[in-house]
Amino acid sequence: MEETAGASAYGASLAGGGFDFYKFIRQPPTIVRILSWIFALVVFASITTEGYINSSHSAHVKCMFNQNDSACHYAIGIGMIAFLACVGFLVLDAYVPSMSNAQERKYAVMADLGFSGVWCFLWFVCFCLLASEWAKTHEVAGIPEDAARAAVAFSFFSIATWGLLTYFALIRFRRGVNEVTIPTYTEPQPDHHTPYPPTYAPTSYNPTTYTPTTYNPYPSKVPDTQPPFQPNPQPQGDADYQPPNY
């Protein structure tokens, strides 16, 4: 499987890093895809070069698999498309790490997953068809048996390789879906070197126009004691006054 060290998305490292050819060529999906490319080449090359023969009493060439031309046509078509698809997906795998958009990576992985799953099934059908028609072939005189057996064997091997490619693509798709999460707010760490908490920034204070009231200063030189009490003087002529007796 792909290396999981560091941040990644859909099985590939984030955009911005350089392309490492040796790391790419050592990845299991790349190795399996190259094997699938070789197996597809063997299947359709064996049939196109030696798969059509003519009998001693006929000038028309027939498919070596029980003279069933449909079997040869099917195997050649599946093999050639798989051959070209392996080249295309190898280029796509090399280009995916440079994609900065996670949605584009998702579409690339989904295309790989869908195509690999379909071609795994089609190779299974191809193997069953070639094996069945070869078992029905009784006239083997003049037929290149090695080429026929190679086509049957490598169509079987292709089932395994394309099944592995489907598995790798499924793992990448699941990993990418799990990595795409909704961003959440995290409380920042408090900074003890600032006079205010990080979540409450000080606001600017705009004082209003205010004119303070002024007061006269209180005299400081005030006697501490009151003068002694003095009785009111009586008016003259009232000293000999006697109240009347009743």
Protein backbone atom coordinates (compact mmCIF):
# COMPACT_ATOMS: atom_id res chain seq x y z
CA MET A 1 0.00 0.00 0.00
CA GLU A 2 0.97 3.66 -0.19
CA GLU A 3 3.05 5.22 2.48
CA THR A 4 0.91 7.03 5.00
CA ALA A 5 3.57 9.20 6.64
CA GLY A 6 2.70 12.88 6.57
CA ALA A 7 -0.40 14.66 5.45
CA SER A 8 -2.15 13.16 2.46
CA ALA A 9 -5.42 13.14 0.56
CA TYR A 10 -6.86 10.15 -1.34
CA GLY A 11 -3.69 8.11 -0.89
CA ALA A 12 -1.29 10.76 -2.19
CA SER A 13 0.74 13.43 -0.47
CA LEU A 14 -0.49 16.99 -0.49
CA ALA A 15 0.30 19.20 -3.46
CA GLY A 16 3.54 21.14 -3.42
CA GLY A 17 6.13 18.37 -3.20
CA GLY A 18 8.30 17.21 -6.07
CA PHE A 19 7.65 14.02 -7.98
CA ASP A 20 9.76 11.13 -6.70
CA PHE A 21 10.03 8.58 -9.51
CA TYR A 22 11.71 5.87 -7.44
CA LYS A 23 9.12 6.16 -4.70
CA PHE A 24 6.34 6.05 -7.28
CA ILE A 25 7.72 3.00 -9.08
CA ARG A 26 8.04 1.06 -5.79
CA GLN A 27 4.42 1.56 -4.76
CA PRO A 28 2.34 -1.67 -4.83
CA PRO A 29 -0.42 -0.16 -7.04
CA THR A 30 2.20 0.88 -9.59
CA ILE A 31 3.80 -2.57 -9.61
CA VAL A 32 0.44 -4.32 -9.98
CA ARG A 33 -0.58 -1.95 -12.77
CA ILE A 34 2.62 -2.70 -14.69
CA LEU A 35 1.92 -6.41 -14.30
CA SER A 36 -1.61 -5.88 -15.62
CA TRP A 37 -0.14 -4.04 -18.58
CA ILE A 38 2.19 -6.97 -19.34
CA PHE A 39 -0.55 -9.56 -18.96
CA ALA A 40 -2.87 -7.67 -21.31
CA LEU A 41 -0.06 -7.39 -23.85
CA VAL A 42 0.55 -11.15 -23.72
CA VAL A 43 -3.14 -11.99 -24.20
CA PHE A 44 -3.93 -9.86 -27.23
CA ALA A 45 -0.48 -10.29 -28.79
CA SER A 46 -0.70 -14.09 -28.57
CA ILE A 47 -4.07 -14.11 -30.30
CA THR A 48 -3.36 -11.47 -32.95
CA THR A 49 -0.08 -13.09 -34.03
CA GLU A 50 -0.89 -16.80 -33.75
CA GLY A 51 -4.55 -17.05 -32.87
CA TYR A 52 -5.97 -17.28 -36.38
CA ILE A 53 -5.23 -20.35 -38.48
CA ASN A 54 -6.65 -21.94 -41.58
CA SER A 55 -7.37 -25.59 -42.04
CA SER A 56 -5.84 -27.73 -44.76
CA HIS A 57 -9.04 -27.79 -46.76
CA SER A 58 -10.04 -24.11 -46.37
CA ALA A 59 -8.39 -20.80 -47.15
CA HIS A 60 -10.36 -18.88 -44.55
CA VAL A 61 -8.64 -18.32 -41.22
CA LYS A 62 -10.48 -19.24 -38.06
CA CYS A 63 -9.90 -18.61 -34.38
CA MET A 64 -7.81 -21.31 -32.73
CA PHE A 65 -10.31 -21.50 -29.86
CA ASN A 66 -12.74 -23.99 -31.37
CA GLN A 67 -12.94 -21.81 -34.50
CA ASN A 68 -15.01 -19.32 -32.51
CA ASP A 69 -14.08 -15.91 -33.87
CA SER A 70 -16.11 -14.18 -31.17
CA ALA A 71 -13.82 -15.57 -28.48
CA CYS A 72 -10.73 -14.21 -30.20
CA HIS A 73 -12.34 -10.84 -30.91
CA TYR A 74 -13.46 -10.51 -27.29
CA ALA A 75 -10.04 -11.37 -25.88
CA ILE A 76 -8.26 -8.98 -28.25
CA GLY A 77 -10.65 -6.14 -27.46
CA ILE A 78 -10.42 -6.62 -23.70
CA GLY A 79 -6.64 -6.93 -23.86
CA MET A 80 -6.05 -3.86 -26.00
CA ILE A 81 -8.32 -1.62 -23.91
CA ALA A 82 -6.70 -2.88 -20.71
CA PHE A 83 -3.25 -2.25 -22.21
CA LEU A 84 -4.10 1.37 -23.03
CA ALA A 85 -5.93 1.91 -19.74
CA CYS A 86 -2.90 0.79 -17.74
CA VAL A 87 -0.77 3.40 -19.49
CA GLY A 88 -3.38 6.08 -18.88
CA PHE A 89 -3.82 5.26 -15.21
CA LEU A 90 -0.06 5.15 -14.67
CA VAL A 91 0.13 8.71 -15.97
CA LEU A 92 -2.87 9.67 -13.83
CA ASP A 93 -1.31 8.15 -10.70
CA ALA A 94 1.81 10.21 -11.30
CA TYR A 95 -0.27 13.36 -11.80
CA VAL A 96 -2.57 12.95 -8.78
CA PRO A 97 -0.04 14.27 -6.17
CA SER A 98 0.18 17.56 -8.08
CA MET A 99 -3.60 18.08 -7.88
CA SER A 100 -4.39 20.75 -5.30
CA ASN A 101 -8.15 20.19 -5.47
CA ALA A 102 -9.41 17.29 -3.36
CA GLN A 103 -12.51 16.98 -5.58
CA GLU A 104 -10.33 16.30 -8.64
CA ARG A 105 -8.45 13.62 -6.73
CA LYS A 106 -11.76 12.07 -5.73
CA TYR A 107 -12.87 11.84 -9.37
CA ALA A 108 -9.53 10.30 -10.37
CA VAL A 109 -9.78 7.64 -7.65
CA MET A 110 -13.42 6.94 -8.49
CA ALA A 111 -12.51 6.48 -12.17
CA ASP A 112 -9.77 4.04 -11.18
CA LEU A 113 -12.12 2.18 -8.85
CA GLY A 114 -14.92 1.87 -11.39
CA PHE A 115 -12.73 0.88 -14.34
CA SER A 116 -10.70 -1.65 -12.33
CA GLY A 117 -13.82 -3.31 -10.96
CA VAL A 118 -15.43 -3.58 -14.41
CA TRP A 119 -12.29 -4.93 -16.04
CA CYS A 120 -11.79 -7.48 -13.29
CA PHE A 121 -15.21 -8.87 -14.16
CA LEU A 122 -14.56 -8.71 -17.92
CA TRP A 123 -11.29 -10.62 -17.52
CA PHE A 124 -13.17 -13.27 -15.58
CA VAL A 125 -15.61 -13.59 -18.47
CA CYS A 126 -12.68 -13.72 -20.92
CA PHE A 127 -10.97 -16.49 -18.97
CA CYS A 128 -14.14 -18.56 -18.76
CA LEU A 129 -14.81 -18.11 -22.48
CA LEU A 130 -11.28 -18.99 -23.64
CA ALA A 131 -10.97 -21.92 -21.25
CA SER A 132 -14.34 -23.30 -22.33
CA GLU A 133 -13.62 -22.95 -26.05
CA TRP A 134 -10.13 -24.41 -25.69
CA ALA A 135 -11.53 -27.43 -23.89
CA LYS A 136 -13.89 -27.98 -26.83
CA THR A 137 -11.08 -27.78 -29.37
CA HIS A 138 -10.26 -31.32 -30.51
CA GLU A 139 -8.46 -30.64 -33.78
CA VAL A 140 -5.17 -29.25 -32.48
CA ALA A 141 -3.13 -30.08 -35.55
CA GLY A 142 -1.39 -26.92 -36.71
CA ILE A 143 -2.62 -24.92 -33.73
CA PRO A 144 0.05 -23.13 -31.66
CA GLU A 145 -0.91 -24.65 -28.34
CA ASP A 146 1.57 -22.58 -26.37
CA ALA A 147 -0.03 -19.36 -27.56
CA ALA A 148 -3.51 -20.65 -26.71
CA ARG A 149 -2.46 -21.74 -23.22
CA ALA A 150 -0.67 -18.43 -22.66
CA ALA A 151 -3.80 -16.50 -23.56
CA VAL A 152 -5.87 -18.58 -21.15
CA ALA A 153 -3.32 -18.41 -18.33
CA PHE A 154 -2.64 -14.66 -18.53
CA SER A 155 -6.32 -13.87 -18.76
CA PHE A 156 -6.62 -15.70 -15.43
CA PHE A 157 -3.67 -13.77 -13.98
CA SER A 158 -5.34 -10.54 -15.11
CA ILE A 159 -8.33 -11.32 -12.89
CA ALA A 160 -6.03 -11.26 -9.86
CA THR A 161 -4.15 -8.10 -10.82
CA TRP A 162 -7.25 -6.10 -11.67
CA GLY A 163 -8.87 -7.34 -8.49
CA LEU A 164 -5.90 -5.97 -6.54
CA LEU A 165 -6.17 -2.67 -8.38
CA THR A 166 -9.85 -2.49 -7.41
CA TYR A 167 -8.91 -3.15 -3.79
CA PHE A 168 -6.19 -0.46 -3.78
CA ALA A 169 -8.55 2.08 -5.34
CA LEU A 170 -11.24 1.25 -2.78
CA ILE A 171 -8.79 1.77 0.08
CA ARG A 172 -7.71 5.12 -1.37
CA PHE A 173 -11.32 6.21 -1.81
CA ARG A 174 -12.28 5.31 1.76
CA ARG A 175 -9.20 6.99 3.16
CA GLY A 176 -9.91 10.14 1.19
CA VAL A 177 -13.52 10.30 2.39
CA ASN A 178 -12.39 9.93 6.00
CA GLU A 179 -9.73 12.62 5.61
CA VAL A 180 -12.18 15.22 4.29
CA THR A 181 -13.76 16.49 7.51
CA ILE A 182 -15.64 19.66 8.49
CA PRO A 183 -13.24 22.16 10.05
CA THR A 184 -14.00 22.90 13.69
CA TYR A 185 -13.01 25.85 15.88
CA THR A 186 -10.28 25.15 18.39
CA GLU A 187 -9.63 27.40 21.36
CA PRO A 188 -6.19 29.00 21.05
CA GLN A 189 -3.62 28.45 23.74
CA PRO A 190 -3.49 31.28 26.32
CA ASP A 191 -0.53 33.62 26.06
CA HIS A 192 0.69 34.58 29.51
CA HIS A 193 2.97 37.28 28.13
CA THR A 194 0.12 39.54 27.02
CA PRO A 195 -2.00 41.61 29.50
CA TYR A 196 -5.25 40.52 27.87
CA PRO A 197 -6.64 37.06 27.17
CA PRO A 198 -6.27 35.99 23.50
CA THR A 199 -10.02 35.62 23.04
CA TYR A 200 -10.88 39.11 24.32
CA ALA A 201 -8.92 41.78 22.52
CA PRO A 202 -8.98 45.25 24.17
CA THR A 203 -11.26 47.70 22.47
CA SER A 204 -10.34 51.33 21.93
CA TYR A 205 -11.85 53.70 24.48
CA ASN A 206 -13.35 56.89 23.16
CA PRO A 207 -13.96 59.24 26.11
CA THR A 208 -16.79 61.71 25.82
CA THR A 209 -16.31 65.43 26.33
CA TYR A 210 -16.65 66.09 30.04
CA THR A 211 -15.88 69.37 31.82
CA PRO A 212 -15.24 68.85 35.53
CA THR A 213 -16.79 71.27 38.03
CA THR A 214 -14.27 73.49 39.83
CA TYR A 215 -14.59 74.37 43.48
CA ASN A 216 -12.93 77.13 45.51
CA PRO A 217 -10.25 75.82 47.71
CA TYR A 218 -11.12 75.47 51.37
CA PRO A 219 -9.18 77.97 53.54
CA SER A 220 -6.43 76.26 55.34
CA LYS A 221 -5.94 78.93 58.09
CA VAL A 222 -9.07 78.38 60.17
CA PRO A 223 -8.85 78.54 63.99
CA ASP A 224 -9.23 75.21 65.60
CA THR A 225 -11.32 76.53 68.64
CA GLN A 226 -14.37 78.81 68.95
CA PRO A 227 -14.13 82.01 71.11
CA PRO A 228 -15.45 81.66 74.67
CA PHE A 229 -19.13 82.29 75.31
CA GLN A 230 -19.96 85.86 76.46
CA PRO A 231 -23.39 86.75 77.94
CA ASN A 232 -25.37 89.48 76.34
CA PRO A 233 -25.06 92.76 78.23
CA GLN A 234 -28.26 94.01 79.85
CA PRO A 235 -29.47 97.55 79.02
CA GLN A 236 -28.86 100.33 81.50
CA GLY A 237 -31.69 101.04 83.90
CA ASP A 238 -32.76 97.42 84.11
CA ALA A 239 -30.42 96.48 86.94
CA ASP A 240 -32.74 97.88 89.73
CA TYR A 241 -35.87 96.48 88.20
CA GLN A 242 -37.84 94.23 90.49
CA PRO A 243 -40.70 92.21 89.32
CA PRO A 244 -44.04 93.05 90.99
CA ASN A 245 -45.35 90.81 93.65
CA TYR A 246 -48.87 89.62 93.15
